[in-house]
Amino acid sequence: MFQGYILLVLAFFFSFFLVFIGVTMLEFCFFDLFLCD
């Protein structure tokens, strides 16, 4: 039971981390295009 809770928390943090990386990459690409333009 406790192990399943830990896995759930890890999955939540991992998905949040992936979303954070995706948004950061999108911002970098947007600013890159803006600066290049």
N, C-alpha and C. Protein backbone atom coordinates (compact mmCIF):
# COMPACT_ATOMS: atom_id res chain seq x y z
N MET A 1 0.83 -1.19 0.00
CA MET A 1 0.00 0.00 0.00
C MET A 1 0.87 1.25 0.00
N PHE A 2 1.83 1.28 0.92
CA PHE A 2 2.71 2.44 1.01
C PHE A 2 3.57 2.61 -0.24
N GLN A 3 4.00 1.44 -0.80
CA GLN A 3 4.82 1.48 -2.01
C GLN A 3 4.01 2.05 -3.18
N GLY A 4 2.74 1.68 -3.27
CA GLY A 4 1.89 2.19 -4.34
C GLY A 4 1.73 3.70 -4.22
N TYR A 5 1.64 4.20 -2.98
CA TYR A 5 1.51 5.64 -2.76
C TYR A 5 2.76 6.37 -3.22
N ILE A 6 3.93 5.78 -2.93
CA ILE A 6 5.20 6.38 -3.35
C ILE A 6 5.28 6.42 -4.88
N LEU A 7 4.85 5.32 -5.54
CA LEU A 7 4.86 5.29 -7.00
C LEU A 7 3.92 6.34 -7.57
N LEU A 8 2.79 6.55 -6.93
CA LEU A 8 1.83 7.55 -7.40
C LEU A 8 2.43 8.95 -7.29
N VAL A 9 3.08 9.23 -6.18
CA VAL A 9 3.71 10.54 -5.99
C VAL A 9 4.84 10.74 -7.00
N LEU A 10 5.63 9.69 -7.23
CA LEU A 10 6.73 9.78 -8.20
C LEU A 10 6.18 10.04 -9.60
N ALA A 11 5.10 9.35 -9.97
CA ALA A 11 4.50 9.54 -11.29
C ALA A 11 3.97 10.97 -11.43
N PHE A 12 3.38 11.50 -10.37
CA PHE A 12 2.85 12.86 -10.39
C PHE A 12 3.98 13.87 -10.59
N PHE A 13 5.07 13.72 -9.83
CA PHE A 13 6.21 14.63 -9.97
C PHE A 13 6.85 14.51 -11.34
N PHE A 14 6.92 13.28 -11.87
CA PHE A 14 7.54 13.06 -13.18
C PHE A 14 6.73 13.74 -14.28
N SER A 15 5.40 13.61 -14.22
CA SER A 15 4.55 14.24 -15.24
C SER A 15 4.64 15.76 -15.12
N PHE A 16 4.67 16.27 -13.89
CA PHE A 16 4.80 17.71 -13.69
C PHE A 16 6.14 18.20 -14.24
N PHE A 17 7.22 17.41 -14.01
CA PHE A 17 8.55 17.75 -14.51
C PHE A 17 8.56 17.78 -16.04
N LEU A 18 7.89 16.79 -16.68
CA LEU A 18 7.83 16.74 -18.13
C LEU A 18 7.10 17.96 -18.68
N VAL A 19 5.97 18.32 -18.06
CA VAL A 19 5.22 19.50 -18.50
C VAL A 19 6.07 20.75 -18.35
N PHE A 20 6.79 20.86 -17.23
CA PHE A 20 7.66 22.02 -16.99
C PHE A 20 8.74 22.12 -18.06
N ILE A 21 9.36 20.99 -18.41
CA ILE A 21 10.40 20.96 -19.44
C ILE A 21 9.80 21.36 -20.79
N GLY A 22 8.60 20.85 -21.10
CA GLY A 22 7.96 21.17 -22.37
C GLY A 22 7.66 22.65 -22.49
N VAL A 23 7.13 23.24 -21.43
CA VAL A 23 6.81 24.68 -21.45
C VAL A 23 8.09 25.50 -21.57
N THR A 24 9.14 25.09 -20.85
CA THR A 24 10.41 25.82 -20.93
C THR A 24 10.98 25.75 -22.34
N MET A 25 10.94 24.57 -22.96
CA MET A 25 11.44 24.42 -24.32
C MET A 25 10.62 25.27 -25.29
N LEU A 26 9.30 25.30 -25.11
CA LEU A 26 8.44 26.11 -25.97
C LEU A 26 8.79 27.57 -25.83
N GLU A 27 9.03 28.04 -24.60
CA GLU A 27 9.39 29.44 -24.38
C GLU A 27 10.72 29.74 -25.04
N PHE A 28 11.70 28.84 -24.90
CA PHE A 28 13.01 29.06 -25.50
C PHE A 28 12.89 29.13 -27.03
N CYS A 29 12.10 28.23 -27.62
CA CYS A 29 11.92 28.23 -29.07
C CYS A 29 11.23 29.52 -29.51
N PHE A 30 10.24 29.95 -28.75
CA PHE A 30 9.50 31.17 -29.10
C PHE A 30 10.42 32.38 -29.04
N PHE A 31 11.19 32.50 -27.95
CA PHE A 31 12.10 33.63 -27.81
C PHE A 31 13.21 33.55 -28.87
N ASP A 32 13.64 32.32 -29.20
CA ASP A 32 14.67 32.14 -30.23
C ASP A 32 14.17 32.67 -31.57
N LEU A 33 12.93 32.30 -31.93
CA LEU A 33 12.36 32.77 -33.19
C LEU A 33 12.16 34.28 -33.15
N PHE A 34 11.73 34.78 -32.00
CA PHE A 34 11.49 36.22 -31.86
C PHE A 34 12.80 36.99 -32.03
N LEU A 35 13.87 36.45 -31.42
CA LEU A 35 15.17 37.12 -31.51
C LEU A 35 15.73 37.01 -32.93
N CYS A 36 15.55 35.84 -33.56
CA CYS A 36 16.05 35.65 -34.91
C CYS A 36 15.31 36.56 -35.90
N ASP A 37 14.02 36.75 -35.64
CA ASP A 37 13.21 37.57 -36.54
C ASP A 37 13.60 39.02 -36.36
